[in-house]
Amino acid sequence: MNTPDNWRKSSYSGSGDGNACVEIANRQAHMAVRDSKNPAHGTLAFPTAAFSTFLTALKSTSLQNVAQKTRCQQHTG
């Protein structure tokens, strides 16, 4: 789903106020990321290659262990 100024968010986030998500925009040398609920509150910028690597990891199972480990550490102190 495209938003003004070439910002995109996942089609899985739906539309309306209750479907907040992050938005991304390609800014040549970097990818910009912002909160769709508060787009005026700033953006994060990541090198395009690093963002691509991150997306590849999200699509694979390589981040599942990281998320599980983080949850366990939060619960055990």
PDB file of N, CA and C in Angstrom:
ATOM      1  N   MET A   1       0.845  -1.167   0.000  1.00  0.00           N
ATOM      2  CA  MET A   1       0.000   0.000   0.000  1.00  0.00           C
ATOM      3  C   MET A   1       0.898   1.239   0.000  1.00  0.00           C
ATOM      4  N   ASN A   2       0.716   2.137  -0.925  1.00  0.00           N
ATOM      5  CA  ASN A   2       1.498   3.370  -0.999  1.00  0.00           C
ATOM      6  C   ASN A   2       0.762   4.513  -0.313  1.00  0.00           C
ATOM      7  N   THR A   3       1.525   5.373   0.318  1.00  0.00           N
ATOM      8  CA  THR A   3       0.985   6.573   0.943  1.00  0.00           C
ATOM      9  C   THR A   3       1.670   7.768   0.295  1.00  0.00           C
ATOM     10  N   PRO A   4       1.222   8.993   0.564  1.00  0.00           N
ATOM     11  CA  PRO A   4       1.877  10.157  -0.053  1.00  0.00           C
ATOM     12  C   PRO A   4       3.386  10.161   0.175  1.00  0.00           C
ATOM     13  N   ASP A   5       4.117  10.741  -0.766  1.00  0.00           N
ATOM     14  CA  ASP A   5       5.574  10.851  -0.691  1.00  0.00           C
ATOM     15  C   ASP A   5       6.269   9.491  -0.762  1.00  0.00           C
ATOM     16  N   ASN A   6       5.652   8.518  -1.417  1.00  0.00           N
ATOM     17  CA  ASN A   6       6.223   7.189  -1.645  1.00  0.00           C
ATOM     18  C   ASN A   6       6.452   6.370  -0.380  1.00  0.00           C
ATOM     19  N   TRP A   7       5.783   6.677   0.708  1.00  0.00           N
ATOM     20  CA  TRP A   7       5.836   5.844   1.899  1.00  0.00           C
ATOM     21  C   TRP A   7       4.959   4.626   1.657  1.00  0.00           C
ATOM     22  N   ARG A   8       5.443   3.469   2.090  1.00  0.00           N
ATOM     23  CA  ARG A   8       4.699   2.218   1.902  1.00  0.00           C
ATOM     24  C   ARG A   8       4.532   1.525   3.244  1.00  0.00           C
ATOM     25  N   LYS A   9       3.390   0.866   3.399  1.00  0.00           N
ATOM     26  CA  LYS A   9       3.215   0.008   4.564  1.00  0.00           C
ATOM     27  C   LYS A   9       2.605  -1.301   4.090  1.00  0.00           C
ATOM     28  N   SER A  10       2.706  -2.289   4.905  1.00  0.00           N
ATOM     29  CA  SER A  10       2.242  -3.618   4.549  1.00  0.00           C
ATOM     30  C   SER A  10       0.748  -3.631   4.255  1.00  0.00           C
ATOM     31  N   SER A  11       0.364  -4.374   3.243  1.00  0.00           N
ATOM     32  CA  SER A  11      -1.062  -4.538   2.957  1.00  0.00           C
ATOM     33  C   SER A  11      -1.740  -5.337   4.065  1.00  0.00           C
ATOM     34  N   TYR A  12      -0.968  -6.058   4.865  1.00  0.00           N
ATOM     35  CA  TYR A  12      -1.520  -6.819   5.987  1.00  0.00           C
ATOM     36  C   TYR A  12      -1.976  -5.908   7.124  1.00  0.00           C
ATOM     37  N   SER A  13      -1.533  -4.664   7.146  1.00  0.00           N
ATOM     38  CA  SER A  13      -1.896  -3.768   8.240  1.00  0.00           C
ATOM     39  C   SER A  13      -3.307  -3.208   8.081  1.00  0.00           C
ATOM     40  N   GLY A  14      -3.897  -3.376   6.928  1.00  0.00           N
ATOM     41  CA  GLY A  14      -5.246  -2.887   6.710  1.00  0.00           C
ATOM     42  C   GLY A  14      -5.294  -1.377   6.591  1.00  0.00           C
ATOM     43  N   SER A  15      -6.472  -0.820   6.811  1.00  0.00           N
ATOM     44  CA  SER A  15      -6.613   0.633   6.753  1.00  0.00           C
ATOM     45  C   SER A  15      -7.428   1.086   7.955  1.00  0.00           C
ATOM     46  N   GLY A  16      -7.352   2.338   8.266  1.00  0.00           N
ATOM     47  CA  GLY A  16      -8.082   2.876   9.406  1.00  0.00           C
ATOM     48  C   GLY A  16      -7.174   3.118  10.590  1.00  0.00           C
ATOM     49  N   ASP A  17      -7.724   3.734  11.621  1.00  0.00           N
ATOM     50  CA  ASP A  17      -6.939   4.122  12.786  1.00  0.00           C
ATOM     51  C   ASP A  17      -6.440   2.947  13.610  1.00  0.00           C
ATOM     52  N   GLY A  18      -7.154   1.845  13.634  1.00  0.00           N
ATOM     53  CA  GLY A  18      -6.769   0.717  14.470  1.00  0.00           C
ATOM     54  C   GLY A  18      -5.713  -0.184  13.871  1.00  0.00           C
ATOM     55  N   ASN A  19      -5.205   0.157  12.710  1.00  0.00           N
ATOM     56  CA  ASN A  19      -4.256  -0.709  12.018  1.00  0.00           C
ATOM     57  C   ASN A  19      -2.915  -0.021  11.845  1.00  0.00           C
ATOM     58  N   ALA A  20      -2.318   0.405  12.932  1.00  0.00           N
ATOM     59  CA  ALA A  20      -1.033   1.096  12.891  1.00  0.00           C
ATOM     60  C   ALA A  20       0.077   0.138  12.488  1.00  0.00           C
ATOM     61  N   CYS A  21       1.039   0.667  11.810  1.00  0.00           N
ATOM     62  CA  CYS A  21       2.141  -0.131  11.302  1.00  0.00           C
ATOM     63  C   CYS A  21       3.321   0.810  11.064  1.00  0.00           C
ATOM     64  N   VAL A  22       4.457   0.245  10.745  1.00  0.00           N
ATOM     65  CA  VAL A  22       5.554   1.093  10.306  1.00  0.00           C
ATOM     66  C   VAL A  22       5.443   1.279   8.803  1.00  0.00           C
ATOM     67  N   GLU A  23       5.978   2.381   8.323  1.00  0.00           N
ATOM     68  CA  GLU A  23       6.020   2.666   6.898  1.00  0.00           C
ATOM     69  C   GLU A  23       7.477   2.776   6.484  1.00  0.00           C
ATOM     70  N   ILE A  24       7.762   2.433   5.241  1.00  0.00           N
ATOM     71  CA  ILE A  24       9.122   2.554   4.721  1.00  0.00           C
ATOM     72  C   ILE A  24       9.103   3.376   3.437  1.00  0.00           C
ATOM     73  N   ALA A  25      10.223   4.023   3.162  1.00  0.00           N
ATOM     74  CA  ALA A  25      10.394   4.784   1.923  1.00  0.00           C
ATOM     75  C   ALA A  25      11.839   4.635   1.465  1.00  0.00           C
ATOM     76  N   ASN A  26      12.019   4.437   0.173  1.00  0.00           N
ATOM     77  CA  ASN A  26      13.354   4.329  -0.402  1.00  0.00           C
ATOM     78  C   ASN A  26      13.875   5.733  -0.667  1.00  0.00           C
ATOM     79  N   ARG A  27      14.971   6.076  -0.032  1.00  0.00           N
ATOM     80  CA  ARG A  27      15.574   7.408  -0.174  1.00  0.00           C
ATOM     81  C   ARG A  27      16.958   7.304  -0.809  1.00  0.00           C
ATOM     82  N   GLN A  28      17.063   6.624  -1.920  1.00  0.00           N
ATOM     83  CA  GLN A  28      18.290   6.412  -2.690  1.00  0.00           C
ATOM     84  C   GLN A  28      19.336   5.641  -1.904  1.00  0.00           C
ATOM     85  N   ALA A  29      20.121   6.278  -1.070  1.00  0.00           N
ATOM     86  CA  ALA A  29      21.217   5.596  -0.368  1.00  0.00           C
ATOM     87  C   ALA A  29      20.772   4.929   0.925  1.00  0.00           C
ATOM     88  N   HIS A  30      19.534   5.167   1.339  1.00  0.00           N
ATOM     89  CA  HIS A  30      19.069   4.556   2.583  1.00  0.00           C
ATOM     90  C   HIS A  30      17.565   4.298   2.520  1.00  0.00           C
ATOM     91  N   MET A  31      17.108   3.491   3.459  1.00  0.00           N
ATOM     92  CA  MET A  31      15.682   3.245   3.629  1.00  0.00           C
ATOM     93  C   MET A  31      15.241   3.996   4.877  1.00  0.00           C
ATOM     94  N   ALA A  32      14.150   4.715   4.765  1.00  0.00           N
ATOM     95  CA  ALA A  32      13.602   5.452   5.901  1.00  0.00           C
ATOM     96  C   ALA A  32      12.437   4.657   6.480  1.00  0.00           C
ATOM     97  N   VAL A  33      12.342   4.652   7.800  1.00  0.00           N
ATOM     98  CA  VAL A  33      11.282   3.932   8.508  1.00  0.00           C
ATOM     99  C   VAL A  33      10.627   4.904   9.485  1.00  0.00           C
ATOM    100  N   ARG A  34       9.288   4.886   9.527  1.00  0.00           N
ATOM    101  CA  ARG A  34       8.577   5.749  10.472  1.00  0.00           C
ATOM    102  C   ARG A  34       7.332   5.036  10.987  1.00  0.00           C
ATOM    103  N   ASP A  35       6.787   5.553  12.058  1.00  0.00           N
ATOM    104  CA  ASP A  35       5.562   5.048  12.662  1.00  0.00           C
ATOM    105  C   ASP A  35       4.378   5.624  11.890  1.00  0.00           C
ATOM    106  N   SER A  36       3.496   4.773  11.391  1.00  0.00           N
ATOM    107  CA  SER A  36       2.369   5.277  10.605  1.00  0.00           C
ATOM    108  C   SER A  36       1.366   6.065  11.449  1.00  0.00           C
ATOM    109  N   LYS A  37       1.328   5.833  12.765  1.00  0.00           N
ATOM    110  CA  LYS A  37       0.427   6.598  13.638  1.00  0.00           C
ATOM    111  C   LYS A  37       0.925   8.016  13.855  1.00  0.00           C
ATOM    112  N   ASN A  38       2.249   8.170  13.872  1.00  0.00           N
ATOM    113  CA  ASN A  38       2.870   9.462  14.165  1.00  0.00           C
ATOM    114  C   ASN A  38       3.945   9.790  13.133  1.00  0.00           C
ATOM    115  N   PRO A  39       3.579   9.962  11.878  1.00  0.00           N
ATOM    116  CA  PRO A  39       4.591  10.162  10.840  1.00  0.00           C
ATOM    117  C   PRO A  39       5.427  11.426  11.010  1.00  0.00           C
ATOM    118  N   ALA A  40       4.917  12.412  11.709  1.00  0.00           N
ATOM    119  CA  ALA A  40       5.667  13.657  11.897  1.00  0.00           C
ATOM    120  C   ALA A  40       6.702  13.559  13.017  1.00  0.00           C
ATOM    121  N   HIS A  41       6.731  12.455  13.727  1.00  0.00           N
ATOM    122  CA  HIS A  41       7.641  12.314  14.866  1.00  0.00           C
ATOM    123  C   HIS A  41       9.017  11.794  14.487  1.00  0.00           C
ATOM    124  N   GLY A  42       9.376  11.883  13.240  1.00  0.00           N
ATOM    125  CA  GLY A  42      10.725  11.520  12.822  1.00  0.00           C
ATOM    126  C   GLY A  42      10.807  10.165  12.147  1.00  0.00           C
ATOM    127  N   THR A  43      11.980   9.910  11.599  1.00  0.00           N
ATOM    128  CA  THR A  43      12.232   8.657  10.891  1.00  0.00           C
ATOM    129  C   THR A  43      13.562   8.077  11.330  1.00  0.00           C
ATOM    130  N   LEU A  44      13.723   6.802  11.073  1.00  0.00           N
ATOM    131  CA  LEU A  44      15.001   6.119  11.235  1.00  0.00           C
ATOM    132  C   LEU A  44      15.529   5.847   9.842  1.00  0.00           C
ATOM    133  N   ALA A  45      16.829   5.975   9.636  1.00  0.00           N
ATOM    134  CA  ALA A  45      17.433   5.734   8.327  1.00  0.00           C
ATOM    135  C   ALA A  45      18.417   4.577   8.429  1.00  0.00           C
ATOM    136  N   PHE A  46      18.318   3.646   7.486  1.00  0.00           N
ATOM    137  CA  PHE A  46      19.190   2.479   7.438  1.00  0.00           C
ATOM    138  C   PHE A  46      19.798   2.366   6.049  1.00  0.00           C
ATOM    139  N   PRO A  47      21.088   2.012   5.951  1.00  0.00           N
ATOM    140  CA  PRO A  47      21.673   1.786   4.631  1.00  0.00           C
ATOM    141  C   PRO A  47      20.841   0.745   3.873  1.00  0.00           C
ATOM    142  N   THR A  48      20.647   0.963   2.593  1.00  0.00           N
ATOM    143  CA  THR A  48      19.802   0.083   1.793  1.00  0.00           C
ATOM    144  C   THR A  48      20.241  -1.371   1.883  1.00  0.00           C
ATOM    145  N   ALA A  49      21.536  -1.637   1.806  1.00  0.00           N
ATOM    146  CA  ALA A  49      22.028  -3.021   1.864  1.00  0.00           C
ATOM    147  C   ALA A  49      21.717  -3.663   3.216  1.00  0.00           C
ATOM    148  N   ALA A  50      21.883  -2.913   4.294  1.00  0.00           N
ATOM    149  CA  ALA A  50      21.591  -3.449   5.628  1.00  0.00           C
ATOM    150  C   ALA A  50      20.098  -3.724   5.789  1.00  0.00           C
ATOM    151  N   PHE A  51      19.272  -2.849   5.247  1.00  0.00           N
ATOM    152  CA  PHE A  51      17.826  -3.047   5.346  1.00  0.00           C
ATOM    153  C   PHE A  51      17.403  -4.275   4.550  1.00  0.00           C
ATOM    154  N   SER A  52      18.003  -4.469   3.400  1.00  0.00           N
ATOM    155  CA  SER A  52      17.720  -5.646   2.585  1.00  0.00           C
ATOM    156  C   SER A  52      18.090  -6.930   3.331  1.00  0.00           C
ATOM    157  N   THR A  53      19.241  -6.927   3.993  1.00  0.00           N
ATOM    158  CA  THR A  53      19.665  -8.080   4.789  1.00  0.00           C
ATOM    159  C   THR A  53      18.674  -8.338   5.920  1.00  0.00           C
ATOM    160  N   PHE A  54      18.218  -7.280   6.572  1.00  0.00           N
ATOM    161  CA  PHE A  54      17.231  -7.388   7.644  1.00  0.00           C
ATOM    162  C   PHE A  54      15.939  -8.018   7.129  1.00  0.00           C
ATOM    163  N   LEU A  55      15.441  -7.566   5.976  1.00  0.00           N
ATOM    164  CA  LEU A  55      14.215  -8.128   5.415  1.00  0.00           C
ATOM    165  C   LEU A  55      14.379  -9.598   5.068  1.00  0.00           C
ATOM    166  N   THR A  56      15.531  -9.957   4.529  1.00  0.00           N
ATOM    167  CA  THR A  56      15.798 -11.362   4.214  1.00  0.00           C
ATOM    168  C   THR A  56      15.754 -12.204   5.481  1.00  0.00           C
ATOM    169  N   ALA A  57      16.339 -11.699   6.554  1.00  0.00           N
ATOM    170  CA  ALA A  57      16.326 -12.422   7.830  1.00  0.00           C
ATOM    171  C   ALA A  57      14.909 -12.543   8.380  1.00  0.00           C
ATOM    172  N   LEU A  58      14.102 -11.505   8.228  1.00  0.00           N
ATOM    173  CA  LEU A  58      12.715 -11.570   8.691  1.00  0.00           C
ATOM    174  C   LEU A  58      11.936 -12.652   7.968  1.00  0.00           C
ATOM    175  N   LYS A  59      12.209 -12.796   6.683  1.00  0.00           N
ATOM    176  CA  LYS A  59      11.486 -13.769   5.875  1.00  0.00           C
ATOM    177  C   LYS A  59      11.957 -15.196   6.115  1.00  0.00           C
ATOM    178  N   SER A  60      13.105 -15.347   6.725  1.00  0.00           N
ATOM    179  CA  SER A  60      13.625 -16.681   7.025  1.00  0.00           C
ATOM    180  C   SER A  60      13.325 -17.003   8.483  1.00  0.00           C
ATOM    181  N   THR A  61      13.852 -18.098   8.956  1.00  0.00           N
ATOM    182  CA  THR A  61      13.642 -18.478  10.356  1.00  0.00           C
ATOM    183  C   THR A  61      14.769 -17.996  11.250  1.00  0.00           C
ATOM    184  N   SER A  62      15.745 -17.282  10.705  1.00  0.00           N
ATOM    185  CA  SER A  62      16.930 -16.924  11.479  1.00  0.00           C
ATOM    186  C   SER A  62      16.644 -15.972  12.637  1.00  0.00           C
ATOM    187  N   LEU A  63      15.561 -15.220  12.596  1.00  0.00           N
ATOM    188  CA  LEU A  63      15.254 -14.305  13.691  1.00  0.00           C
ATOM    189  C   LEU A  63      14.329 -14.915  14.739  1.00  0.00           C
ATOM    190  N   GLN A  64      13.777 -16.089  14.481  1.00  0.00           N
ATOM    191  CA  GLN A  64      12.880 -16.704  15.451  1.00  0.00           C
ATOM    192  C   GLN A  64      13.598 -17.013  16.753  1.00  0.00           C
ATOM    193  N   ASN A  65      14.828 -17.508  16.681  1.00  0.00           N
ATOM    194  CA  ASN A  65      15.587 -17.815  17.889  1.00  0.00           C
ATOM    195  C   ASN A  65      15.926 -16.558  18.666  1.00  0.00           C
ATOM    196  N   VAL A  66      16.203 -15.468  17.983  1.00  0.00           N
ATOM    197  CA  VAL A  66      16.515 -14.204  18.650  1.00  0.00           C
ATOM    198  C   VAL A  66      15.296 -13.725  19.431  1.00  0.00           C
ATOM    199  N   ALA A  67      14.129 -13.761  18.822  1.00  0.00           N
ATOM    200  CA  ALA A  67      12.909 -13.318  19.497  1.00  0.00           C
ATOM    201  C   ALA A  67      12.609 -14.194  20.705  1.00  0.00           C
ATOM    202  N   GLN A  68      12.752 -15.499  20.562  1.00  0.00           N
ATOM    203  CA  GLN A  68      12.494 -16.412  21.670  1.00  0.00           C
ATOM    204  C   GLN A  68      13.471 -16.163  22.806  1.00  0.00           C
ATOM    205  N   LYS A  69      14.745 -15.994  22.498  1.00  0.00           N
ATOM    206  CA  LYS A  69      15.758 -15.751  23.520  1.00  0.00           C
ATOM    207  C   LYS A  69      15.476 -14.444  24.253  1.00  0.00           C
ATOM    208  N   THR A  70      15.083 -13.414  23.523  1.00  0.00           N
ATOM    209  CA  THR A  70      14.785 -12.121  24.130  1.00  0.00           C
ATOM    210  C   THR A  70      13.614 -12.242  25.097  1.00  0.00           C
ATOM    211  N   ARG A  71      12.559 -12.948  24.699  1.00  0.00           N
ATOM    212  CA  ARG A  71      11.409 -13.133  25.583  1.00  0.00           C
ATOM    213  C   ARG A  71      11.810 -13.877  26.845  1.00  0.00           C
ATOM    214  N   CYS A  72      12.617 -14.913  26.710  1.00  0.00           N
ATOM    215  CA  CYS A  72      13.054 -15.690  27.871  1.00  0.00           C
ATOM    216  C   CYS A  72      13.879 -14.828  28.816  1.00  0.00           C
ATOM    217  N   GLN A  73      14.770 -14.011  28.285  1.00  0.00           N
ATOM    218  CA  GLN A  73      15.604 -13.156  29.124  1.00  0.00           C
ATOM    219  C   GLN A  73      14.760 -12.122  29.860  1.00  0.00           C
ATOM    220  N   GLN A  74      13.723 -11.616  29.213  1.00  0.00           N
ATOM    221  CA  GLN A  74      12.870 -10.625  29.861  1.00  0.00           C
ATOM    222  C   GLN A  74      12.102 -11.241  31.025  1.00  0.00           C
ATOM    223  N   HIS A  75      11.701 -12.501  30.880  1.00  0.00           N
ATOM    224  CA  HIS A  75      10.917 -13.150  31.923  1.00  0.00           C
ATOM    225  C   HIS A  75      11.769 -13.686  33.065  1.00  0.00           C
ATOM    226  N   THR A  76      13.040 -13.969  32.800  1.00  0.00           N
ATOM    227  CA  THR A  76      13.890 -14.540  33.844  1.00  0.00           C
ATOM    228  C   THR A  76      14.754 -13.496  34.522  1.00  0.00           C
ATOM    229  N   GLY A  77      14.718 -12.284  34.032  1.00  0.00           N
ATOM    230  CA  GLY A  77      15.476 -11.197  34.649  1.00  0.00           C
ATOM    231  C   GLY A  77      16.835 -11.130  34.109  1.00  0.00           C
TER     232      GLY A  77
END
